[in-house]
Amino acid sequence: MIKVARKQILRASTPCTPSWYVKHSSTCSSKTLTHPTEESSKVLRHLEFIKPLQFQKGLQIQEKFVRAQLDMKALESKIRRKLDQLSVETNGASINEHEQKILGSILDMKPNPIILTFEFEPTYTGGKRSKKSLLDEDIRRFQNFIPKDQVKNKSPKFVQAERGGQVTFHGPGQVVAYLIMDLKSFKNFPAKCLVSAIEDSTIDTLKCAPQGEDKTPLDLQAIKTKETGVWVDEKNKIASIGVHVRRSITSHGVSINVNPDLSYMNSFTMCGLPDTRATSIHEQIQDSTCTTHDIAVTFVNKMAKKLGITTVERIQLDDIDVD
């Protein structure tokens, strides 16, 4: 059972059994994959941005939290080196109880794992694999694209992102979740297991997300294939995944299509997969009342379960100062 600490507005997802999928990871199961090994990682914080933001502002917010993790990691490493040096210089002597308490207080300041969820203004983003192959004319086509239905949206922008994968789209009607955490603060949890956890959490979300006042489960079946991401079948992709890891600190994550204008994605080759198309919750279940809020909250709760975390703290924000 996941405990949710109430900060502003929050909802708990309905527990359910993980849905089936095509491909299993060789080392990661679809249930709880790991557990926290540090006190700071026993609470997952969810910052839900409820108003559409520019994609670049989202990157700045993400980088602020990534930098906090990296700075603490550097401090922790420095302390460990000093202790090792002290042990060598004093023939195995260690710090006293008072000094140990001070050290523990410093290490307890390590940031909690955080998931940021956004809904962005229309943006095409390039991944590391497409960085060298994209031409200026390709970028102009993205920026000049006029969607089929959401014609009043702002013109798309193009941003090169430091994540894995190729070109993808972020925009209205889509949940983008960025996961910022220290992989080494969880038991046996390398990057490949993080990707598997994101895929499984997305599949569980599509199965269990609540709809309407009676909280009826969405019950949308989704699968894994040989390609990264989450699919409703071998040709129709409903969620894209791309992560980045620096010194075991993660960033980026997943985008889940709730009710976007699919022409943004299906008028181009997305994720380097020419024989596939994007789909969404509302295309698959046309009478669905599921919102981006429902998907964001459910995904975070499902991700907490995969990480072995029992407490989620959630707050809703319009924006945040990154200066």
C-alpha atoms as a PDB file:
ATOM      1  CA  MET A   1       0.000   0.000   0.000  1.00  0.00           C
ATOM      2  CA  ILE A   2       1.355   3.417  -0.968  1.00  0.00           C
ATOM      3  CA  LYS A   3       0.862   6.223   1.542  1.00  0.00           C
ATOM      4  CA  VAL A   4       0.289   9.630  -0.016  1.00  0.00           C
ATOM      5  CA  ALA A   5       1.255  12.723   1.961  1.00  0.00           C
ATOM      6  CA  ARG A   6      -1.187  15.490   1.096  1.00  0.00           C
ATOM      7  CA  LYS A   7       0.427  18.733   0.009  1.00  0.00           C
ATOM      8  CA  GLN A   8      -2.270  20.396  -2.138  1.00  0.00           C
ATOM      9  CA  ILE A   9      -4.490  18.280  -4.391  1.00  0.00           C
ATOM     10  CA  LEU A  10      -3.948  14.553  -4.844  1.00  0.00           C
ATOM     11  CA  ARG A  11      -5.660  11.303  -5.682  1.00  0.00           C
ATOM     12  CA  ALA A  12      -4.647   7.711  -5.039  1.00  0.00           C
ATOM     13  CA  SER A  13      -4.753   5.171  -7.840  1.00  0.00           C
ATOM     14  CA  THR A  14      -6.700   1.932  -7.663  1.00  0.00           C
ATOM     15  CA  PRO A  15      -4.457  -1.103  -6.987  1.00  0.00           C
ATOM     16  CA  CYS A  16      -4.402  -3.665  -9.756  1.00  0.00           C
ATOM     17  CA  THR A  17      -2.487  -6.633 -11.059  1.00  0.00           C
ATOM     18  CA  PRO A  18       0.249  -5.734 -13.604  1.00  0.00           C
ATOM     19  CA  SER A  19      -0.953  -6.214 -17.185  1.00  0.00           C
ATOM     20  CA  TRP A  20       0.587  -8.651 -19.643  1.00  0.00           C
ATOM     21  CA  TYR A  21       3.222  -7.750 -22.173  1.00  0.00           C
ATOM     22  CA  VAL A  22       5.199  -9.342 -24.991  1.00  0.00           C
ATOM     23  CA  LYS A  23       8.802  -9.117 -23.843  1.00  0.00           C
ATOM     24  CA  HIS A  24      10.175  -9.584 -20.336  1.00  0.00           C
ATOM     25  CA  SER A  25      13.521  -8.168 -19.251  1.00  0.00           C
ATOM     26  CA  SER A  26      15.998 -10.888 -18.416  1.00  0.00           C
ATOM     27  CA  THR A  27      16.694  -9.416 -14.972  1.00  0.00           C
ATOM     28  CA  CYS A  28      13.652  -7.271 -14.157  1.00  0.00           C
ATOM     29  CA  SER A  29      10.177  -8.494 -13.208  1.00  0.00           C
ATOM     30  CA  SER A  30       6.895  -6.641 -13.673  1.00  0.00           C
ATOM     31  CA  LYS A  31       6.362  -6.344  -9.892  1.00  0.00           C
ATOM     32  CA  THR A  32       8.489  -4.476  -7.341  1.00  0.00           C
ATOM     33  CA  LEU A  33      11.943  -4.366  -8.904  1.00  0.00           C
ATOM     34  CA  THR A  34      14.048  -2.953  -6.096  1.00  0.00           C
ATOM     35  CA  HIS A  35      13.948  -1.175  -2.757  1.00  0.00           C
ATOM     36  CA  PRO A  36      15.609   1.927  -1.269  1.00  0.00           C
ATOM     37  CA  THR A  37      18.964   1.462   0.439  1.00  0.00           C
ATOM     38  CA  GLU A  38      19.132   5.007   1.843  1.00  0.00           C
ATOM     39  CA  GLU A  39      16.727   6.870   4.106  1.00  0.00           C
ATOM     40  CA  SER A  40      16.333   9.738   1.640  1.00  0.00           C
ATOM     41  CA  SER A  41      15.027   7.381  -1.051  1.00  0.00           C
ATOM     42  CA  LYS A  42      12.128   6.047   1.007  1.00  0.00           C
ATOM     43  CA  VAL A  43       9.913   8.965  -0.029  1.00  0.00           C
ATOM     44  CA  LEU A  44       9.061   9.815  -3.638  1.00  0.00           C
ATOM     45  CA  ARG A  45       8.117  13.412  -4.378  1.00  0.00           C
ATOM     46  CA  HIS A  46       5.742  14.228  -7.229  1.00  0.00           C
ATOM     47  CA  LEU A  47       5.682  17.779  -8.583  1.00  0.00           C
ATOM     48  CA  GLU A  48       2.697  18.044 -10.914  1.00  0.00           C
ATOM     49  CA  PHE A  49       2.734  21.117 -13.164  1.00  0.00           C
ATOM     50  CA  ILE A  50      -0.910  21.773 -14.021  1.00  0.00           C
ATOM     51  CA  LYS A  51      -0.503  24.533 -16.630  1.00  0.00           C
ATOM     52  CA  PRO A  52       1.185  24.036 -20.037  1.00  0.00           C
ATOM     53  CA  LEU A  53       4.821  25.171 -19.991  1.00  0.00           C
ATOM     54  CA  GLN A  54       7.427  25.780 -22.649  1.00  0.00           C
ATOM     55  CA  PHE A  55       9.546  22.669 -23.128  1.00  0.00           C
ATOM     56  CA  GLN A  56      12.764  24.565 -22.426  1.00  0.00           C
ATOM     57  CA  LYS A  57      11.362  25.762 -19.102  1.00  0.00           C
ATOM     58  CA  GLY A  58      10.661  22.139 -18.232  1.00  0.00           C
ATOM     59  CA  LEU A  59      14.287  21.286 -19.025  1.00  0.00           C
ATOM     60  CA  GLN A  60      15.468  24.112 -16.761  1.00  0.00           C
ATOM     61  CA  ILE A  61      13.296  22.866 -13.903  1.00  0.00           C
ATOM     62  CA  GLN A  62      14.581  19.336 -14.412  1.00  0.00           C
ATOM     63  CA  GLU A  63      18.202  20.499 -14.468  1.00  0.00           C
ATOM     64  CA  LYS A  64      17.719  22.370 -11.186  1.00  0.00           C
ATOM     65  CA  PHE A  65      16.755  19.152  -9.419  1.00  0.00           C
ATOM     66  CA  VAL A  66      19.400  17.084 -11.223  1.00  0.00           C
ATOM     67  CA  ARG A  67      22.061  19.577 -10.157  1.00  0.00           C
ATOM     68  CA  ALA A  68      20.945  19.315  -6.521  1.00  0.00           C
ATOM     69  CA  GLN A  69      21.401  15.527  -6.705  1.00  0.00           C
ATOM     70  CA  LEU A  70      24.805  15.825  -8.389  1.00  0.00           C
ATOM     71  CA  ASP A  71      26.052  18.433  -5.909  1.00  0.00           C
ATOM     72  CA  MET A  72      25.096  16.249  -2.954  1.00  0.00           C
ATOM     73  CA  LYS A  73      26.700  13.239  -4.633  1.00  0.00           C
ATOM     74  CA  ALA A  74      29.942  15.199  -5.074  1.00  0.00           C
ATOM     75  CA  LEU A  75      29.856  16.269  -1.415  1.00  0.00           C
ATOM     76  CA  GLU A  76      29.216  12.696  -0.281  1.00  0.00           C
ATOM     77  CA  SER A  77      32.109  11.430  -2.417  1.00  0.00           C
ATOM     78  CA  LYS A  78      34.426  14.074  -0.985  1.00  0.00           C
ATOM     79  CA  ILE A  79      33.497  13.114   2.574  1.00  0.00           C
ATOM     80  CA  ARG A  80      34.084   9.427   1.858  1.00  0.00           C
ATOM     81  CA  ARG A  81      37.539  10.167   0.396  1.00  0.00           C
ATOM     82  CA  LYS A  82      38.481  12.215   3.460  1.00  0.00           C
ATOM     83  CA  LEU A  83      37.391   9.401   5.762  1.00  0.00           C
ATOM     84  CA  ASP A  84      39.435   6.889   3.779  1.00  0.00           C
ATOM     85  CA  GLN A  85      42.430   9.217   3.952  1.00  0.00           C
ATOM     86  CA  LEU A  86      41.954   9.635   7.710  1.00  0.00           C
ATOM     87  CA  SER A  87      41.854   5.858   8.166  1.00  0.00           C
ATOM     88  CA  VAL A  88      45.128   5.424   6.261  1.00  0.00           C
ATOM     89  CA  GLU A  89      46.918   8.254   8.082  1.00  0.00           C
ATOM     90  CA  THR A  90      45.832   7.103  11.561  1.00  0.00           C
ATOM     91  CA  ASN A  91      46.241   3.336  11.163  1.00  0.00           C
ATOM     92  CA  GLY A  92      42.542   2.560  10.939  1.00  0.00           C
ATOM     93  CA  ALA A  93      41.153   5.140  13.352  1.00  0.00           C
ATOM     94  CA  SER A  94      37.598   6.336  12.728  1.00  0.00           C
ATOM     95  CA  ILE A  95      35.632   9.453  13.602  1.00  0.00           C
ATOM     96  CA  ASN A  96      33.998   9.680  17.031  1.00  0.00           C
ATOM     97  CA  GLU A  97      30.282   9.409  17.789  1.00  0.00           C
ATOM     98  CA  HIS A  98      29.682  13.170  17.713  1.00  0.00           C
ATOM     99  CA  GLU A  99      31.430  13.521  14.369  1.00  0.00           C
ATOM    100  CA  GLN A 100      29.474  10.536  13.039  1.00  0.00           C
ATOM    101  CA  LYS A 101      26.221  12.252  14.032  1.00  0.00           C
ATOM    102  CA  ILE A 102      27.240  15.419  12.208  1.00  0.00           C
ATOM    103  CA  LEU A 103      28.174  13.382   9.139  1.00  0.00           C
ATOM    104  CA  GLY A 104      24.845  11.548   9.260  1.00  0.00           C
ATOM    105  CA  SER A 105      22.979  14.859   9.410  1.00  0.00           C
ATOM    106  CA  ILE A 106      24.805  16.075   6.312  1.00  0.00           C
ATOM    107  CA  LEU A 107      24.088  12.891   4.358  1.00  0.00           C
ATOM    108  CA  ASP A 108      20.418  12.997   5.417  1.00  0.00           C
ATOM    109  CA  MET A 109      20.146  16.237   3.418  1.00  0.00           C
ATOM    110  CA  LYS A 110      20.336  14.220   0.204  1.00  0.00           C
ATOM    111  CA  PRO A 111      17.311  15.039  -2.008  1.00  0.00           C
ATOM    112  CA  ASN A 112      14.472  12.550  -2.322  1.00  0.00           C
ATOM    113  CA  PRO A 113      13.743  10.927  -5.678  1.00  0.00           C
ATOM    114  CA  ILE A 114      11.473  13.241  -7.670  1.00  0.00           C
ATOM    115  CA  ILE A 115       9.103  12.801 -10.595  1.00  0.00           C
ATOM    116  CA  LEU A 116       8.139  15.968 -12.444  1.00  0.00           C
ATOM    117  CA  THR A 117       5.028  15.732 -14.635  1.00  0.00           C
ATOM    118  CA  PHE A 118       4.314  18.279 -17.345  1.00  0.00           C
ATOM    119  CA  GLU A 119       2.044  19.117 -20.252  1.00  0.00           C
ATOM    120  CA  PHE A 120       4.137  21.104 -22.734  1.00  0.00           C
ATOM    121  CA  GLU A 121       3.473  23.571 -25.506  1.00  0.00           C
ATOM    122  CA  PRO A 122       4.025  21.952 -28.968  1.00  0.00           C
ATOM    123  CA  THR A 123       7.679  20.931 -29.278  1.00  0.00           C
ATOM    124  CA  TYR A 124       9.663  18.487 -31.383  1.00  0.00           C
ATOM    125  CA  THR A 125      12.732  17.226 -29.547  1.00  0.00           C
ATOM    126  CA  GLY A 126      15.793  15.469 -30.895  1.00  0.00           C
ATOM    127  CA  GLY A 127      17.572  12.688 -29.021  1.00  0.00           C
ATOM    128  CA  LYS A 128      21.241  11.755 -29.111  1.00  0.00           C
ATOM    129  CA  ARG A 129      20.776   9.229 -31.935  1.00  0.00           C
ATOM    130  CA  SER A 130      19.267  11.821 -34.297  1.00  0.00           C
ATOM    131  CA  LYS A 131      21.578  14.712 -33.393  1.00  0.00           C
ATOM    132  CA  LYS A 132      23.958  14.296 -36.330  1.00  0.00           C
ATOM    133  CA  SER A 133      21.456  13.151 -38.951  1.00  0.00           C
ATOM    134  CA  LEU A 134      18.892  15.963 -38.740  1.00  0.00           C
ATOM    135  CA  LEU A 135      19.168  18.622 -41.447  1.00  0.00           C
ATOM    136  CA  ASP A 136      18.138  22.272 -41.179  1.00  0.00           C
ATOM    137  CA  GLU A 137      15.296  21.601 -43.615  1.00  0.00           C
ATOM    138  CA  ASP A 138      13.993  18.819 -41.353  1.00  0.00           C
ATOM    139  CA  ILE A 139      13.904  21.209 -38.409  1.00  0.00           C
ATOM    140  CA  ARG A 140      12.097  23.854 -40.490  1.00  0.00           C
ATOM    141  CA  ARG A 141       9.418  21.295 -41.417  1.00  0.00           C
ATOM    142  CA  PHE A 142       8.826  20.591 -37.742  1.00  0.00           C
ATOM    143  CA  GLN A 143       8.637  24.275 -36.863  1.00  0.00           C
ATOM    144  CA  ASN A 144       6.265  25.122 -39.738  1.00  0.00           C
ATOM    145  CA  PHE A 145       3.895  22.205 -39.205  1.00  0.00           C
ATOM    146  CA  ILE A 146       0.174  22.984 -38.854  1.00  0.00           C
ATOM    147  CA  PRO A 147      -1.772  20.273 -36.986  1.00  0.00           C
ATOM    148  CA  LYS A 148      -5.017  18.781 -38.208  1.00  0.00           C
ATOM    149  CA  ASP A 149      -7.226  19.580 -35.208  1.00  0.00           C
ATOM    150  CA  GLN A 150      -5.430  21.782 -32.651  1.00  0.00           C
ATOM    151  CA  VAL A 151      -4.956  24.598 -35.172  1.00  0.00           C
ATOM    152  CA  LYS A 152      -5.011  27.333 -32.517  1.00  0.00           C
ATOM    153  CA  ASN A 153      -1.914  25.973 -30.785  1.00  0.00           C
ATOM    154  CA  LYS A 154       1.324  27.904 -30.842  1.00  0.00           C
ATOM    155  CA  SER A 155       3.720  27.010 -33.670  1.00  0.00           C
ATOM    156  CA  PRO A 156       5.924  24.042 -32.743  1.00  0.00           C
ATOM    157  CA  LYS A 157       9.482  24.603 -31.605  1.00  0.00           C
ATOM    158  CA  PHE A 158      12.447  22.284 -32.059  1.00  0.00           C
ATOM    159  CA  VAL A 159      14.788  21.561 -29.133  1.00  0.00           C
ATOM    160  CA  GLN A 160      17.794  19.243 -29.016  1.00  0.00           C
ATOM    161  CA  ALA A 161      17.605  17.242 -25.777  1.00  0.00           C
ATOM    162  CA  GLU A 162      20.301  15.238 -23.981  1.00  0.00           C
ATOM    163  CA  ARG A 163      18.356  12.005 -23.764  1.00  0.00           C
ATOM    164  CA  GLY A 164      18.480   8.689 -25.551  1.00  0.00           C
ATOM    165  CA  GLY A 165      16.442   8.000 -28.673  1.00  0.00           C
ATOM    166  CA  GLN A 166      15.565  10.036 -31.737  1.00  0.00           C
ATOM    167  CA  VAL A 167      12.987  12.688 -32.656  1.00  0.00           C
ATOM    168  CA  THR A 168       9.754  12.729 -30.675  1.00  0.00           C
ATOM    169  CA  PHE A 169       6.964  15.200 -29.950  1.00  0.00           C
ATOM    170  CA  HIS A 170       5.655  16.780 -26.754  1.00  0.00           C
ATOM    171  CA  GLY A 171       2.493  18.852 -26.619  1.00  0.00           C
ATOM    172  CA  PRO A 172      -0.998  19.466 -25.256  1.00  0.00           C
ATOM    173  CA  GLY A 173      -2.887  16.322 -24.287  1.00  0.00           C
ATOM    174  CA  GLN A 174       0.284  14.429 -23.394  1.00  0.00           C
ATOM    175  CA  VAL A 175       1.819  13.639 -19.979  1.00  0.00           C
ATOM    176  CA  VAL A 176       5.597  13.992 -19.812  1.00  0.00           C
ATOM    177  CA  ALA A 177       7.196  12.517 -16.684  1.00  0.00           C
ATOM    178  CA  TYR A 178      10.831  13.221 -15.764  1.00  0.00           C
ATOM    179  CA  LEU A 179      12.398  10.898 -13.175  1.00  0.00           C
ATOM    180  CA  ILE A 180      15.269  12.303 -11.114  1.00  0.00           C
ATOM    181  CA  MET A 181      16.864   9.820  -8.756  1.00  0.00           C
ATOM    182  CA  ASP A 182      20.153   8.220  -7.738  1.00  0.00           C
ATOM    183  CA  LEU A 183      20.186   4.667  -9.079  1.00  0.00           C
ATOM    184  CA  LYS A 184      22.811   3.716  -6.504  1.00  0.00           C
ATOM    185  CA  SER A 185      20.410   4.484  -3.665  1.00  0.00           C
ATOM    186  CA  PHE A 186      18.311   1.486  -4.753  1.00  0.00           C
ATOM    187  CA  LYS A 187      19.207  -2.194  -4.505  1.00  0.00           C
ATOM    188  CA  ASN A 188      20.609  -3.693  -7.750  1.00  0.00           C
ATOM    189  CA  PHE A 189      18.892  -1.163 -10.011  1.00  0.00           C
ATOM    190  CA  PRO A 190      20.877  -0.318 -13.172  1.00  0.00           C
ATOM    191  CA  ALA A 191      19.598   1.914 -15.974  1.00  0.00           C
ATOM    192  CA  LYS A 192      18.145  -0.984 -17.968  1.00  0.00           C
ATOM    193  CA  CYS A 193      15.934  -1.872 -14.998  1.00  0.00           C
ATOM    194  CA  LEU A 194      14.834   1.750 -14.739  1.00  0.00           C
ATOM    195  CA  VAL A 195      13.650   1.629 -18.369  1.00  0.00           C
ATOM    196  CA  SER A 196      11.833  -1.633 -17.648  1.00  0.00           C
ATOM    197  CA  ALA A 197      10.204  -0.089 -14.568  1.00  0.00           C
ATOM    198  CA  ILE A 198       9.020   2.900 -16.593  1.00  0.00           C
ATOM    199  CA  GLU A 199       7.541   0.615 -19.250  1.00  0.00           C
ATOM    200  CA  ASP A 200       5.804  -1.569 -16.671  1.00  0.00           C
ATOM    201  CA  SER A 201       4.492   1.438 -14.734  1.00  0.00           C
ATOM    202  CA  THR A 202       3.054   2.886 -17.946  1.00  0.00           C
ATOM    203  CA  ILE A 203       1.363  -0.413 -18.801  1.00  0.00           C
ATOM    204  CA  ASP A 204      -0.122  -0.591 -15.292  1.00  0.00           C
ATOM    205  CA  THR A 205      -1.249   3.032 -15.570  1.00  0.00           C
ATOM    206  CA  LEU A 206      -3.148   2.391 -18.808  1.00  0.00           C
ATOM    207  CA  LYS A 207      -4.813  -0.579 -17.160  1.00  0.00           C
ATOM    208  CA  CYS A 208      -5.743   1.083 -13.870  1.00  0.00           C
ATOM    209  CA  ALA A 209      -6.070   4.865 -14.286  1.00  0.00           C
ATOM    210  CA  PRO A 210      -9.401   6.025 -12.777  1.00  0.00           C
ATOM    211  CA  GLN A 211     -12.112   7.607 -14.910  1.00  0.00           C
ATOM    212  CA  GLY A 212     -14.966   9.881 -13.884  1.00  0.00           C
ATOM    213  CA  GLU A 213     -16.625  10.222 -10.506  1.00  0.00           C
ATOM    214  CA  ASP A 214     -16.937   6.463  -9.991  1.00  0.00           C
ATOM    215  CA  LYS A 215     -13.196   5.946 -10.695  1.00  0.00           C
ATOM    216  CA  THR A 216     -13.831   3.173 -13.218  1.00  0.00           C
ATOM    217  CA  PRO A 217     -10.448   1.718 -14.319  1.00  0.00           C
ATOM    218  CA  LEU A 218      -9.395   2.678 -17.837  1.00  0.00           C
ATOM    219  CA  ASP A 219      -8.648  -0.965 -18.681  1.00  0.00           C
ATOM    220  CA  LEU A 220      -6.552  -0.216 -21.779  1.00  0.00           C
ATOM    221  CA  GLN A 221      -4.332  -3.183 -22.593  1.00  0.00           C
ATOM    222  CA  ALA A 222      -0.769  -2.263 -23.579  1.00  0.00           C
ATOM    223  CA  ILE A 223       2.378  -4.248 -24.319  1.00  0.00           C
ATOM    224  CA  LYS A 224       6.130  -4.158 -24.734  1.00  0.00           C
ATOM    225  CA  THR A 225       7.711  -5.026 -28.061  1.00  0.00           C
ATOM    226  CA  LYS A 226      11.308  -5.332 -29.255  1.00  0.00           C
ATOM    227  CA  GLU A 227      11.331  -1.522 -29.522  1.00  0.00           C
ATOM    228  CA  THR A 228      11.600   0.675 -26.433  1.00  0.00           C
ATOM    229  CA  GLY A 229       8.337   2.238 -25.338  1.00  0.00           C
ATOM    230  CA  VAL A 230       4.787   1.090 -24.697  1.00  0.00           C
ATOM    231  CA  TRP A 231       2.451  -0.073 -27.459  1.00  0.00           C
ATOM    232  CA  VAL A 232      -1.163  -1.135 -27.908  1.00  0.00           C
ATOM    233  CA  ASP A 233      -0.008  -3.517 -30.645  1.00  0.00           C
ATOM    234  CA  GLU A 234       3.096  -4.023 -32.806  1.00  0.00           C
ATOM    235  CA  LYS A 235       2.340  -0.944 -34.953  1.00  0.00           C
ATOM    236  CA  ASN A 236       0.688   1.587 -32.623  1.00  0.00           C
ATOM    237  CA  LYS A 237       2.792   3.306 -29.958  1.00  0.00           C
ATOM    238  CA  ILE A 238       1.149   5.063 -27.029  1.00  0.00           C
ATOM    239  CA  ALA A 239       4.180   6.064 -24.922  1.00  0.00           C
ATOM    240  CA  SER A 240       7.781   6.992 -25.740  1.00  0.00           C
ATOM    241  CA  ILE A 241      10.713   6.535 -23.364  1.00  0.00           C
ATOM    242  CA  GLY A 242      14.143   8.156 -23.282  1.00  0.00           C
ATOM    243  CA  VAL A 243      16.410   8.467 -20.245  1.00  0.00           C
ATOM    244  CA  HIS A 244      19.755  10.045 -19.456  1.00  0.00           C
ATOM    245  CA  VAL A 245      22.148   9.061 -16.642  1.00  0.00           C
ATOM    246  CA  ARG A 246      24.983  11.172 -15.187  1.00  0.00           C
ATOM    247  CA  ARG A 247      27.026   9.649 -12.346  1.00  0.00           C
ATOM    248  CA  SER A 248      24.050   7.383 -11.600  1.00  0.00           C
ATOM    249  CA  ILE A 249      21.644  10.374 -11.450  1.00  0.00           C
ATOM    250  CA  THR A 250      18.748   9.960 -13.892  1.00  0.00           C
ATOM    251  CA  SER A 251      16.767  12.475 -15.922  1.00  0.00           C
ATOM    252  CA  HIS A 252      14.097  12.523 -18.647  1.00  0.00           C
ATOM    253  CA  GLY A 253      11.664   9.619 -18.713  1.00  0.00           C
ATOM    254  CA  VAL A 254       8.381   8.950 -20.534  1.00  0.00           C
ATOM    255  CA  SER A 255       5.666  10.712 -22.535  1.00  0.00           C
ATOM    256  CA  ILE A 256       2.169   9.168 -22.510  1.00  0.00           C
ATOM    257  CA  ASN A 257      -0.402  10.155 -25.138  1.00  0.00           C
ATOM    258  CA  VAL A 258      -3.725  10.948 -23.478  1.00  0.00           C
ATOM    259  CA  ASN A 259      -5.527  13.124 -26.034  1.00  0.00           C
ATOM    260  CA  PRO A 260      -2.983  14.956 -28.224  1.00  0.00           C
ATOM    261  CA  ASP A 261      -3.467  15.908 -31.859  1.00  0.00           C
ATOM    262  CA  LEU A 262      -1.885  12.805 -33.368  1.00  0.00           C
ATOM    263  CA  SER A 263      -1.118  14.561 -36.655  1.00  0.00           C
ATOM    264  CA  TYR A 264       1.884  16.142 -34.906  1.00  0.00           C
ATOM    265  CA  MET A 265       3.435  12.694 -34.682  1.00  0.00           C
ATOM    266  CA  ASN A 266       1.932  10.760 -37.568  1.00  0.00           C
ATOM    267  CA  SER A 267       2.915  13.316 -40.214  1.00  0.00           C
ATOM    268  CA  PHE A 268       6.587  12.519 -39.545  1.00  0.00           C
ATOM    269  CA  THR A 269       8.744   9.534 -38.637  1.00  0.00           C
ATOM    270  CA  MET A 270       8.940   9.539 -34.856  1.00  0.00           C
ATOM    271  CA  CYS A 271      11.590   7.692 -32.821  1.00  0.00           C
ATOM    272  CA  GLY A 272      13.223   6.437 -36.034  1.00  0.00           C
ATOM    273  CA  LEU A 273      10.393   3.946 -36.687  1.00  0.00           C
ATOM    274  CA  PRO A 274       8.940   4.583 -40.180  1.00  0.00           C
ATOM    275  CA  ASP A 275       6.460   1.681 -40.196  1.00  0.00           C
ATOM    276  CA  THR A 276       4.711   2.605 -36.953  1.00  0.00           C
ATOM    277  CA  ARG A 277       2.274   5.291 -35.837  1.00  0.00           C
ATOM    278  CA  ALA A 278       1.348   7.083 -32.634  1.00  0.00           C
ATOM    279  CA  THR A 279      -1.929   6.432 -30.892  1.00  0.00           C
ATOM    280  CA  SER A 280      -3.535   7.770 -27.711  1.00  0.00           C
ATOM    281  CA  ILE A 281      -5.888   6.811 -24.914  1.00  0.00           C
ATOM    282  CA  HIS A 282      -8.760   8.735 -26.477  1.00  0.00           C
ATOM    283  CA  GLU A 283      -8.185   7.201 -29.906  1.00  0.00           C
ATOM    284  CA  GLN A 284      -8.247   3.714 -28.425  1.00  0.00           C
ATOM    285  CA  ILE A 285     -11.182   4.378 -26.055  1.00  0.00           C
ATOM    286  CA  GLN A 286     -13.161   7.219 -27.602  1.00  0.00           C
ATOM    287  CA  ASP A 287     -15.592   7.661 -24.703  1.00  0.00           C
ATOM    288  CA  SER A 288     -12.786   7.775 -22.120  1.00  0.00           C
ATOM    289  CA  THR A 289     -12.986  10.562 -19.554  1.00  0.00           C
ATOM    290  CA  CYS A 290      -9.397  10.015 -18.396  1.00  0.00           C
ATOM    291  CA  THR A 291      -7.426  13.252 -17.995  1.00  0.00           C
ATOM    292  CA  THR A 292      -3.744  14.092 -18.020  1.00  0.00           C
ATOM    293  CA  HIS A 293      -4.026  14.554 -14.243  1.00  0.00           C
ATOM    294  CA  ASP A 294      -5.401  11.036 -13.816  1.00  0.00           C
ATOM    295  CA  ILE A 295      -2.534   9.581 -15.856  1.00  0.00           C
ATOM    296  CA  ALA A 296       0.169  11.640 -14.105  1.00  0.00           C
ATOM    297  CA  VAL A 297      -0.964  10.668 -10.605  1.00  0.00           C
ATOM    298  CA  THR A 298      -1.465   7.000 -11.456  1.00  0.00           C
ATOM    299  CA  PHE A 299       1.902   6.716 -13.201  1.00  0.00           C
ATOM    300  CA  VAL A 300       3.784   8.164 -10.228  1.00  0.00           C
ATOM    301  CA  ASN A 301       2.026   5.803  -7.808  1.00  0.00           C
ATOM    302  CA  LYS A 302       2.785   2.810 -10.029  1.00  0.00           C
ATOM    303  CA  MET A 303       6.424   3.901 -10.348  1.00  0.00           C
ATOM    304  CA  ALA A 304       6.683   4.178  -6.557  1.00  0.00           C
ATOM    305  CA  LYS A 305       5.522   0.574  -6.274  1.00  0.00           C
ATOM    306  CA  LYS A 306       8.181  -0.599  -8.748  1.00  0.00           C
ATOM    307  CA  LEU A 307      10.829   1.209  -6.679  1.00  0.00           C
ATOM    308  CA  GLY A 308       9.654  -0.310  -3.409  1.00  0.00           C
ATOM    309  CA  ILE A 309       8.662   3.133  -2.080  1.00  0.00           C
ATOM    310  CA  THR A 310       5.587   3.289   0.167  1.00  0.00           C
ATOM    311  CA  THR A 311       5.219   7.072   0.593  1.00  0.00           C
ATOM    312  CA  VAL A 312       4.508   9.622  -2.137  1.00  0.00           C
ATOM    313  CA  GLU A 313       4.413  13.357  -1.426  1.00  0.00           C
ATOM    314  CA  ARG A 314       2.533  15.293  -4.102  1.00  0.00           C
ATOM    315  CA  ILE A 315       2.134  18.998  -4.828  1.00  0.00           C
ATOM    316  CA  GLN A 316       0.513  20.825  -7.742  1.00  0.00           C
ATOM    317  CA  LEU A 317       2.271  23.851  -9.245  1.00  0.00           C
ATOM    318  CA  ASP A 318       1.681  26.358 -12.015  1.00  0.00           C
ATOM    319  CA  ASP A 319       5.380  27.131 -12.397  1.00  0.00           C
ATOM    320  CA  ILE A 320       8.567  27.315 -10.363  1.00  0.00           C
ATOM    321  CA  ASP A 321      11.448  29.806 -10.131  1.00  0.00           C
ATOM    322  CA  VAL A 322      14.678  28.293 -11.445  1.00  0.00           C
ATOM    323  CA  ASP A 323      16.964  31.297 -10.792  1.00  0.00           C
END
